[in-house]
PDB file of all heavy atoms in Angstrom:
ATOM      1  N   GLN A   1      95.770 102.445 118.655  1.00  0.00           N
ATOM      2  CA  GLN A   1      95.678 102.091 120.070  1.00  0.00           C
ATOM      3  C   GLN A   1      95.246 103.297 120.897  1.00  0.00           C
ATOM      4  O   GLN A   1      94.441 103.168 121.825  1.00  0.00           O
ATOM      5  CB  GLN A   1      97.004 101.529 120.565  1.00  0.00           C
ATOM      6  CG  GLN A   1      97.296 100.155 119.998  1.00  0.00           C
ATOM      7  CD  GLN A   1      98.699  99.657 120.305  1.00  0.00           C
ATOM      8  OE1 GLN A   1      99.616 100.437 120.576  1.00  0.00           O
ATOM      9  NE2 GLN A   1      98.880  98.348 120.232  1.00  0.00           N
ATOM     10  N   ALA A   2      95.760 104.471 120.576  1.00  0.00           N
ATOM     11  CA  ALA A   2      95.366 105.690 121.279  1.00  0.00           C
ATOM     12  C   ALA A   2      93.892 106.008 121.034  1.00  0.00           C
ATOM     13  O   ALA A   2      93.167 106.390 121.962  1.00  0.00           O
ATOM     14  CB  ALA A   2      96.246 106.861 120.848  1.00  0.00           C
ATOM     15  N   ALA A   3      93.437 105.846 119.800  1.00  0.00           N
ATOM     16  CA  ALA A   3      92.030 106.098 119.475  1.00  0.00           C
ATOM     17  C   ALA A   3      91.119 105.134 120.226  1.00  0.00           C
ATOM     18  O   ALA A   3      90.111 105.538 120.808  1.00  0.00           O
ATOM     19  CB  ALA A   3      91.814 105.967 117.963  1.00  0.00           C
ATOM     20  N   GLN A   4      91.482 103.883 120.241  1.00  0.00           N
ATOM     21  CA  GLN A   4      90.679 102.873 120.946  1.00  0.00           C
ATOM     22  C   GLN A   4      90.642 103.162 122.442  1.00  0.00           C
ATOM     23  O   GLN A   4      89.595 103.058 123.082  1.00  0.00           O
ATOM     24  CB  GLN A   4      91.248 101.476 120.663  1.00  0.00           C
ATOM     25  CG  GLN A   4      90.425 100.342 121.207  1.00  0.00           C
ATOM     26  CD  GLN A   4      90.835  99.915 122.606  1.00  0.00           C
ATOM     27  OE1 GLN A   4      91.954 100.172 123.050  1.00  0.00           O
ATOM     28  NE2 GLN A   4      89.930  99.285 123.302  1.00  0.00           N
ATOM     29  N   ALA A   5      91.753 103.572 123.014  1.00  0.00           N
ATOM     30  CA  ALA A   5      91.810 103.880 124.445  1.00  0.00           C
ATOM     31  C   ALA A   5      90.923 105.073 124.796  1.00  0.00           C
ATOM     32  O   ALA A   5      90.447 105.173 125.931  1.00  0.00           O
ATOM     33  CB  ALA A   5      93.253 104.164 124.859  1.00  0.00           C
ATOM     34  N   ARG A   6      90.674 105.956 123.838  1.00  0.00           N
ATOM     35  CA  ARG A   6      89.812 107.122 124.063  1.00  0.00           C
ATOM     36  C   ARG A   6      88.355 106.838 123.708  1.00  0.00           C
ATOM     37  O   ARG A   6      87.530 107.745 123.705  1.00  0.00           O
ATOM     38  CB  ARG A   6      90.327 108.306 123.249  1.00  0.00           C
ATOM     39  CG  ARG A   6      91.658 108.842 123.746  1.00  0.00           C
ATOM     40  CD  ARG A   6      92.136 110.011 122.911  1.00  0.00           C
ATOM     41  NE  ARG A   6      93.346 110.591 123.459  1.00  0.00           N
ATOM     42  CZ  ARG A   6      94.556 110.415 122.961  1.00  0.00           C
ATOM     43  NH1 ARG A   6      94.724 109.654 121.889  1.00  0.00           N
ATOM     44  NH2 ARG A   6      95.601 110.975 123.522  1.00  0.00           N
ATOM     45  N   GLY A   7      88.051 105.584 123.356  1.00  0.00           N
ATOM     46  CA  GLY A   7      86.676 105.212 123.059  1.00  0.00           C
ATOM     47  C   GLY A   7      86.213 105.563 121.662  1.00  0.00           C
ATOM     48  O   GLY A   7      85.017 105.529 121.369  1.00  0.00           O
ATOM     49  N   ILE A   8      87.116 105.877 120.786  1.00  0.00           N
ATOM     50  CA  ILE A   8      86.770 106.203 119.402  1.00  0.00           C
ATOM     51  C   ILE A   8      86.496 104.895 118.659  1.00  0.00           C
ATOM     52  O   ILE A   8      87.282 103.964 118.725  1.00  0.00           O
ATOM     53  CB  ILE A   8      87.900 107.002 118.731  1.00  0.00           C
ATOM     54  CG1 ILE A   8      88.106 108.329 119.471  1.00  0.00           C
ATOM     55  CG2 ILE A   8      87.605 107.225 117.255  1.00  0.00           C
ATOM     56  CD1 ILE A   8      89.361 109.077 119.058  1.00  0.00           C
ATOM     57  N   SER A   9      85.371 104.835 117.943  1.00  0.00           N
ATOM     58  CA  SER A   9      85.008 103.580 117.279  1.00  0.00           C
ATOM     59  C   SER A   9      84.970 103.673 115.755  1.00  0.00           C
ATOM     60  O   SER A   9      84.794 102.653 115.089  1.00  0.00           O
ATOM     61  CB  SER A   9      83.653 103.095 117.786  1.00  0.00           C
ATOM     62  OG  SER A   9      82.648 104.039 117.462  1.00  0.00           O
ATOM     63  N   GLU A  10      85.114 104.873 115.204  1.00  0.00           N
ATOM     64  CA  GLU A  10      85.097 105.043 113.752  1.00  0.00           C
ATOM     65  C   GLU A  10      86.270 105.924 113.354  1.00  0.00           C
ATOM     66  O   GLU A  10      86.333 107.094 113.735  1.00  0.00           O
ATOM     67  CB  GLU A  10      83.778 105.668 113.294  1.00  0.00           C
ATOM     68  CG  GLU A  10      82.595 104.771 113.602  1.00  0.00           C
ATOM     69  CD  GLU A  10      81.278 105.319 113.098  1.00  0.00           C
ATOM     70  OE1 GLU A  10      81.233 106.507 112.686  1.00  0.00           O
ATOM     71  OE2 GLU A  10      80.303 104.578 113.118  1.00  0.00           O
ATOM     72  N   VAL A  11      87.216 105.342 112.589  1.00  0.00           N
ATOM     73  CA  VAL A  11      88.433 106.067 112.232  1.00  0.00           C
ATOM     74  C   VAL A  11      88.747 105.949 110.750  1.00  0.00           C
ATOM     75  O   VAL A  11      88.469 104.944 110.114  1.00  0.00           O
ATOM     76  CB  VAL A  11      89.660 105.593 113.050  1.00  0.00           C
ATOM     77  CG1 VAL A  11      89.482 105.896 114.519  1.00  0.00           C
ATOM     78  CG2 VAL A  11      89.954 104.131 112.826  1.00  0.00           C
ATOM     79  N   HIS A  12      89.345 107.005 110.258  1.00  0.00           N
ATOM     80  CA  HIS A  12      89.858 107.050 108.889  1.00  0.00           C
ATOM     81  C   HIS A  12      91.308 107.496 109.007  1.00  0.00           C
ATOM     82  O   HIS A  12      91.572 108.641 109.356  1.00  0.00           O
ATOM     83  CB  HIS A  12      89.035 108.034 108.063  1.00  0.00           C
ATOM     84  CG  HIS A  12      89.534 108.218 106.674  1.00  0.00           C
ATOM     85  ND1 HIS A  12      88.836 108.934 105.740  1.00  0.00           N
ATOM     86  CD2 HIS A  12      90.652 107.806 106.041  1.00  0.00           C
ATOM     87  CE1 HIS A  12      89.505 108.954 104.603  1.00  0.00           C
ATOM     88  NE2 HIS A  12      90.618 108.275 104.766  1.00  0.00           N
ATOM     89  N   VAL A  13      92.230 106.599 108.747  1.00  0.00           N
ATOM     90  CA  VAL A  13      93.657 106.901 108.839  1.00  0.00           C
ATOM     91  C   VAL A  13      94.138 107.383 107.482  1.00  0.00           C
ATOM     92  O   VAL A  13      93.798 106.812 106.445  1.00  0.00           O
ATOM     93  CB  VAL A  13      94.465 105.660 109.286  1.00  0.00           C
ATOM     94  CG1 VAL A  13      95.962 105.931 109.249  1.00  0.00           C
ATOM     95  CG2 VAL A  13      94.028 105.215 110.678  1.00  0.00           C
ATOM     96  N   GLU A  14      94.941 108.431 107.510  1.00  0.00           N
ATOM     97  CA  GLU A  14      95.519 108.978 106.286  1.00  0.00           C
ATOM     98  C   GLU A  14      97.040 108.932 106.428  1.00  0.00           C
ATOM     99  O   GLU A  14      97.585 109.360 107.440  1.00  0.00           O
ATOM    100  CB  GLU A  14      95.037 110.416 106.106  1.00  0.00           C
ATOM    101  CG  GLU A  14      95.108 110.917 104.705  1.00  0.00           C
ATOM    102  CD  GLU A  14      94.375 112.235 104.564  1.00  0.00           C
ATOM    103  OE1 GLU A  14      94.914 113.252 105.017  1.00  0.00           O
ATOM    104  OE2 GLU A  14      93.265 112.229 104.006  1.00  0.00           O
ATOM    105  N   THR A  15      97.708 108.381 105.402  1.00  0.00           N
ATOM    106  CA  THR A  15      99.156 108.200 105.434  1.00  0.00           C
ATOM    107  C   THR A  15      99.777 108.561 104.096  1.00  0.00           C
ATOM    108  O   THR A  15      99.108 108.503 103.057  1.00  0.00           O
ATOM    109  CB  THR A  15      99.512 106.740 105.791  1.00  0.00           C
ATOM    110  OG1 THR A  15     100.934 106.574 105.754  1.00  0.00           O
ATOM    111  CG2 THR A  15      98.883 105.752 104.826  1.00  0.00           C
ATOM    112  N   ASP A  16     101.056 108.901 104.132  1.00  0.00           N
ATOM    113  CA  ASP A  16     101.781 109.152 102.884  1.00  0.00           C
ATOM    114  C   ASP A  16     102.543 107.912 102.431  1.00  0.00           C
ATOM    115  O   ASP A  16     103.367 107.980 101.528  1.00  0.00           O
ATOM    116  CB  ASP A  16     102.717 110.354 103.020  1.00  0.00           C
ATOM    117  CG  ASP A  16     103.800 110.145 104.064  1.00  0.00           C
ATOM    118  OD1 ASP A  16     103.763 109.134 104.786  1.00  0.00           O
ATOM    119  OD2 ASP A  16     104.691 111.001 104.160  1.00  0.00           O
ATOM    120  N   ALA A  17     102.250 106.773 103.042  1.00  0.00           N
ATOM    121  CA  ALA A  17     102.905 105.505 102.700  1.00  0.00           C
ATOM    122  C   ALA A  17     101.931 104.614 101.932  1.00  0.00           C
ATOM    123  O   ALA A  17     101.130 103.883 102.528  1.00  0.00           O
ATOM    124  CB  ALA A  17     103.398 104.800 103.959  1.00  0.00           C
ATOM    125  N   SER A  18     102.006 104.658 100.623  1.00  0.00           N
ATOM    126  CA  SER A  18     101.083 103.862  99.802  1.00  0.00           C
ATOM    127  C   SER A  18     101.262 102.362 100.034  1.00  0.00           C
ATOM    128  O   SER A  18     100.303 101.595  99.943  1.00  0.00           O
ATOM    129  CB  SER A  18     101.252 104.191  98.316  1.00  0.00           C
ATOM    130  OG  SER A  18     102.569 103.899  97.883  1.00  0.00           O
ATOM    131  N   GLN A  19     102.487 101.938 100.359  1.00  0.00           N
ATOM    132  CA  GLN A  19     102.725 100.515 100.634  1.00  0.00           C
ATOM    133  C   GLN A  19     101.982 100.055 101.881  1.00  0.00           C
ATOM    134  O   GLN A  19     101.549  98.909 101.951  1.00  0.00           O
ATOM    135  CB  GLN A  19     104.213 100.232 100.804  1.00  0.00           C
ATOM    136  CG  GLN A  19     104.994 100.244  99.516  1.00  0.00           C
ATOM    137  CD  GLN A  19     106.448  99.914  99.791  1.00  0.00           C
ATOM    138  OE1 GLN A  19     107.075 100.530 100.649  1.00  0.00           O
ATOM    139  NE2 GLN A  19     106.966  98.931  99.086  1.00  0.00           N
ATOM    140  N   LEU A  20     101.826 100.925 102.866  1.00  0.00           N
ATOM    141  CA  LEU A  20     101.080 100.565 104.062  1.00  0.00           C
ATOM    142  C   LEU A  20      99.604 100.369 103.732  1.00  0.00           C
ATOM    143  O   LEU A  20      98.992  99.400 104.182  1.00  0.00           O
ATOM    144  CB  LEU A  20     101.245 101.624 105.153  1.00  0.00           C
ATOM    145  CG  LEU A  20     100.491 101.354 106.454  1.00  0.00           C
ATOM    146  CD1 LEU A  20     100.968 100.067 107.112  1.00  0.00           C
ATOM    147  CD2 LEU A  20     100.632 102.526 107.401  1.00  0.00           C
ATOM    148  N   VAL A  21      99.060 101.249 102.940  1.00  0.00           N
ATOM    149  CA  VAL A  21      97.658 101.118 102.514  1.00  0.00           C
ATOM    150  C   VAL A  21      97.475  99.794 101.789  1.00  0.00           C
ATOM    151  O   VAL A  21      96.546  99.029 102.087  1.00  0.00           O
ATOM    152  CB  VAL A  21      97.237 102.304 101.623  1.00  0.00           C
ATOM    153  CG1 VAL A  21      95.832 102.097 101.076  1.00  0.00           C
ATOM    154  CG2 VAL A  21      97.336 103.617 102.392  1.00  0.00           C
ATOM    155  N   GLN A  22      98.371  99.492 100.860  1.00  0.00           N
ATOM    156  CA  GLN A  22      98.296  98.237 100.109  1.00  0.00           C
ATOM    157  C   GLN A  22      98.406  97.043 101.044  1.00  0.00           C
ATOM    158  O   GLN A  22      97.667  96.069 100.912  1.00  0.00           O
ATOM    159  CB  GLN A  22      99.398  98.192  99.056  1.00  0.00           C
ATOM    160  CG  GLN A  22      99.401  96.917  98.241  1.00  0.00           C
ATOM    161  CD  GLN A  22     100.582  96.842  97.286  1.00  0.00           C
ATOM    162  OE1 GLN A  22     101.424  97.734  97.236  1.00  0.00           O
ATOM    163  NE2 GLN A  22     100.651  95.766  96.536  1.00  0.00           N
ATOM    164  N   ALA A  23      99.308  97.106 101.997  1.00  0.00           N
ATOM    165  CA  ALA A  23      99.521  95.983 102.928  1.00  0.00           C
ATOM    166  C   ALA A  23      98.298  95.726 103.788  1.00  0.00           C
ATOM    167  O   ALA A  23      98.014  94.572 104.127  1.00  0.00           O
ATOM    168  CB  ALA A  23     100.736  96.265 103.811  1.00  0.00           C
ATOM    169  N   LEU A  24      97.553  96.781 104.150  1.00  0.00           N
ATOM    170  CA  LEU A  24      96.397  96.600 105.024  1.00  0.00           C
ATOM    171  C   LEU A  24      95.114  96.262 104.278  1.00  0.00           C
ATOM    172  O   LEU A  24      94.170  95.756 104.873  1.00  0.00           O
ATOM    173  CB  LEU A  24      96.201  97.846 105.892  1.00  0.00           C
ATOM    174  CG  LEU A  24      97.349  98.141 106.855  1.00  0.00           C
ATOM    175  CD1 LEU A  24      97.036  99.378 107.686  1.00  0.00           C
ATOM    176  CD2 LEU A  24      97.662  96.946 107.739  1.00  0.00           C
ATOM    177  N   TRP A  25      95.064  96.525 102.980  1.00  0.00           N
ATOM    178  CA  TRP A  25      93.874  96.208 102.195  1.00  0.00           C
ATOM    179  C   TRP A  25      94.028  94.952 101.352  1.00  0.00           C
ATOM    180  O   TRP A  25      93.120  94.578 100.628  1.00  0.00           O
ATOM    181  CB  TRP A  25      93.488  97.378 101.300  1.00  0.00           C
ATOM    182  CG  TRP A  25      92.840  98.493 102.056  1.00  0.00           C
ATOM    183  CD1 TRP A  25      93.269  99.773 102.138  1.00  0.00           C
ATOM    184  CD2 TRP A  25      91.653  98.438 102.850  1.00  0.00           C
ATOM    185  NE1 TRP A  25      92.430 100.510 102.933  1.00  0.00           N
ATOM    186  CE2 TRP A  25      91.423  99.716 103.383  1.00  0.00           C
ATOM    187  CE3 TRP A  25      90.761  97.415 103.172  1.00  0.00           C
ATOM    188  CZ2 TRP A  25      90.343 100.009 104.216  1.00  0.00           C
ATOM    189  CZ3 TRP A  25      89.690  97.707 104.003  1.00  0.00           C
ATOM    190  CH2 TRP A  25      89.491  98.984 104.508  1.00  0.00           C
ATOM    191  N   SER A  26      95.188  94.307 101.432  1.00  0.00           N
ATOM    192  CA  SER A  26      95.400  93.089 100.638  1.00  0.00           C
ATOM    193  C   SER A  26      96.324  92.155 101.403  1.00  0.00           C
ATOM    194  O   SER A  26      96.755  92.458 102.507  1.00  0.00           O
ATOM    195  CB  SER A  26      96.019  93.450  99.287  1.00  0.00           C
ATOM    196  OG  SER A  26      97.366  93.865  99.451  1.00  0.00           O
ATOM    197  N   ASP A  27      96.611  91.042 100.781  1.00  0.00           N
ATOM    198  CA  ASP A  27      97.551  90.088 101.356  1.00  0.00           C
ATOM    199  C   ASP A  27      98.901  90.151 100.648  1.00  0.00           C
ATOM    200  O   ASP A  27      99.736  89.270 100.822  1.00  0.00           O
ATOM    201  CB  ASP A  27      96.986  88.663 101.250  1.00  0.00           C
ATOM    202  CG  ASP A  27      95.707  88.500 102.049  1.00  0.00           C
ATOM    203  OD1 ASP A  27      95.564  89.188 103.082  1.00  0.00           O
ATOM    204  OD2 ASP A  27      94.855  87.685 101.658  1.00  0.00           O
ATOM    205  N   ASP A  28      99.122  91.194  99.853  1.00  0.00           N
ATOM    206  CA  ASP A  28     100.341  91.315  99.056  1.00  0.00           C
ATOM    207  C   ASP A  28     101.621  91.355  99.887  1.00  0.00           C
ATOM    208  O   ASP A  28     102.669  90.943  99.426  1.00  0.00           O
ATOM    209  CB  ASP A  28     100.297  92.571  98.181  1.00  0.00           C
ATOM    210  CG  ASP A  28      99.241  92.492  97.096  1.00  0.00           C
ATOM    211  OD1 ASP A  28      98.693  91.390  96.870  1.00  0.00           O
ATOM    212  OD2 ASP A  28      98.964  93.535  96.485  1.00  0.00           O
ATOM    213  N   GLN A  29     101.532  91.866 101.100  1.00  0.00           N
ATOM    214  CA  GLN A  29     102.729  91.994 101.945  1.00  0.00           C
ATOM    215  C   GLN A  29     102.856  90.862 102.966  1.00  0.00           C
ATOM    216  O   GLN A  29     103.740  90.895 103.814  1.00  0.00           O
ATOM    217  CB  GLN A  29     102.702  93.341 102.676  1.00  0.00           C
ATOM    218  CG  GLN A  29     102.797  94.532 101.765  1.00  0.00           C
ATOM    219  CD  GLN A  29     104.176  94.692 101.156  1.00  0.00           C
ATOM    220  OE1 GLN A  29     105.184  94.405 101.781  1.00  0.00           O
ATOM    221  NE2 GLN A  29     104.224  95.143  99.924  1.00  0.00           N
ATOM    222  N   ASP A  30     101.954  89.875 102.868  1.00  0.00           N
ATOM    223  CA  ASP A  30     102.084  88.714 103.750  1.00  0.00           C
ATOM    224  C   ASP A  30     103.393  87.991 103.440  1.00  0.00           C
ATOM    225  O   ASP A  30     103.860  87.979 102.304  1.00  0.00           O
ATOM    226  CB  ASP A  30     100.914  87.751 103.566  1.00  0.00           C
ATOM    227  CG  ASP A  30      99.627  88.292 104.183  1.00  0.00           C
ATOM    228  OD1 ASP A  30      99.657  89.406 104.733  1.00  0.00           O
ATOM    229  OD2 ASP A  30      98.603  87.600 104.104  1.00  0.00           O
ATOM    230  N   MET A  31     103.979  87.445 104.460  1.00  0.00           N
ATOM    231  CA  MET A  31     105.240  86.707 104.348  1.00  0.00           C
ATOM    232  C   MET A  31     106.424  87.633 104.049  1.00  0.00           C
ATOM    233  O   MET A  31     107.432  87.205 103.524  1.00  0.00           O
ATOM    234  CB  MET A  31     105.150  85.593 103.296  1.00  0.00           C
ATOM    235  CG  MET A  31     104.006  84.619 103.526  1.00  0.00           C
ATOM    236  SD  MET A  31     104.044  83.834 105.146  1.00  0.00           S
ATOM    237  CE  MET A  31     105.446  82.779 104.969  1.00  0.00           C
ATOM    238  N   THR A  32     106.293  88.906 104.375  1.00  0.00           N
ATOM    239  CA  THR A  32     107.413  89.834 104.266  1.00  0.00           C
ATOM    240  C   THR A  32     107.928  90.136 105.669  1.00  0.00           C
ATOM    241  O   THR A  32     107.349  89.708 106.661  1.00  0.00           O
ATOM    242  CB  THR A  32     107.000  91.153 103.583  1.00  0.00           C
ATOM    243  OG1 THR A  32     106.042  91.826 104.408  1.00  0.00           O
ATOM    244  CG2 THR A  32     106.423  90.902 102.194  1.00  0.00           C
ATOM    245  N   ILE A  33     108.983  90.909 105.754  1.00  0.00           N
ATOM    246  CA  ILE A  33     109.595  91.208 107.041  1.00  0.00           C
ATOM    247  C   ILE A  33     108.636  91.931 107.995  1.00  0.00           C
ATOM    248  O   ILE A  33     108.725  91.788 109.203  1.00  0.00           O
ATOM    249  CB  ILE A  33     110.904  92.006 106.846  1.00  0.00           C
ATOM    250  CG1 ILE A  33     111.703  92.003 108.139  1.00  0.00           C
ATOM    251  CG2 ILE A  33     110.615  93.419 106.370  1.00  0.00           C
ATOM    252  CD1 ILE A  33     113.133  92.447 107.964  1.00  0.00           C
ATOM    253  N   ASN A  34     107.675  92.690 107.452  1.00  0.00           N
ATOM    254  CA  ASN A  34     106.734  93.442 108.276  1.00  0.00           C
ATOM    255  C   ASN A  34     105.374  92.764 108.435  1.00  0.00           C
ATOM    256  O   ASN A  34     104.435  93.369 108.953  1.00  0.00           O
ATOM    257  CB  ASN A  34     106.545  94.836 107.684  1.00  0.00           C
ATOM    258  CG  ASN A  34     107.807  95.654 107.749  1.00  0.00           C
ATOM    259  OD1 ASN A  34     108.448  95.720 108.784  1.00  0.00           O
ATOM    260  ND2 ASN A  34     108.179  96.271 106.640  1.00  0.00           N
ATOM    261  N   ASP A  35     105.269  91.525 108.025  1.00  0.00           N
ATOM    262  CA  ASP A  35     104.006  90.796 108.037  1.00  0.00           C
ATOM    263  C   ASP A  35     103.326  90.796 109.403  1.00  0.00           C
ATOM    264  O   ASP A  35     102.127  91.002 109.508  1.00  0.00           O
ATOM    265  CB  ASP A  35     104.252  89.354 107.565  1.00  0.00           C
ATOM    266  CG  ASP A  35     103.008  88.496 107.629  1.00  0.00           C
ATOM    267  OD1 ASP A  35     101.953  88.943 107.147  1.00  0.00           O
ATOM    268  OD2 ASP A  35     103.100  87.368 108.155  1.00  0.00           O
ATOM    269  N   VAL A  36     104.083  90.602 110.465  1.00  0.00           N
ATOM    270  CA  VAL A  36     103.487  90.481 111.800  1.00  0.00           C
ATOM    271  C   VAL A  36     102.785  91.777 112.209  1.00  0.00           C
ATOM    272  O   VAL A  36     101.660  91.740 112.705  1.00  0.00           O
ATOM    273  CB  VAL A  36     104.553  90.081 112.843  1.00  0.00           C
ATOM    274  CG1 VAL A  36     103.996  90.147 114.253  1.00  0.00           C
ATOM    275  CG2 VAL A  36     105.077  88.689 112.549  1.00  0.00           C
ATOM    276  N   ILE A  37     103.415  92.901 111.975  1.00  0.00           N
ATOM    277  CA  ILE A  37     102.765  94.162 112.370  1.00  0.00           C
ATOM    278  C   ILE A  37     101.562  94.466 111.484  1.00  0.00           C
ATOM    279  O   ILE A  37     100.563  94.994 111.956  1.00  0.00           O
ATOM    280  CB  ILE A  37     103.755  95.340 112.433  1.00  0.00           C
ATOM    281  CG1 ILE A  37     103.094  96.506 113.186  1.00  0.00           C
ATOM    282  CG2 ILE A  37     104.238  95.753 111.067  1.00  0.00           C
ATOM    283  CD1 ILE A  37     104.043  97.549 113.688  1.00  0.00           C
ATOM    284  N   PHE A  38     101.618  94.114 110.205  1.00  0.00           N
ATOM    285  CA  PHE A  38     100.456  94.316 109.336  1.00  0.00           C
ATOM    286  C   PHE A  38      99.277  93.491 109.853  1.00  0.00           C
ATOM    287  O   PHE A  38      98.152  93.974 109.923  1.00  0.00           O
ATOM    288  CB  PHE A  38     100.755  93.929 107.890  1.00  0.00           C
ATOM    289  CG  PHE A  38     101.836  94.751 107.244  1.00  0.00           C
ATOM    290  CD1 PHE A  38     102.655  94.184 106.288  1.00  0.00           C
ATOM    291  CD2 PHE A  38     102.042  96.076 107.573  1.00  0.00           C
ATOM    292  CE1 PHE A  38     103.651  94.923 105.669  1.00  0.00           C
ATOM    293  CE2 PHE A  38     103.037  96.828 106.968  1.00  0.00           C
ATOM    294  CZ  PHE A  38     103.847  96.247 106.009  1.00  0.00           C
TER     295      PHE A  38
END
């Protein structure tokens, strides 16, 4: 949201949470407690 507000249109996010990467690149975490935010 901060990047978008600054007009940035190309981003590469780096995280130490492998489950987050998996959740955003697949549907594996759908229907879990964090589904809405994913």
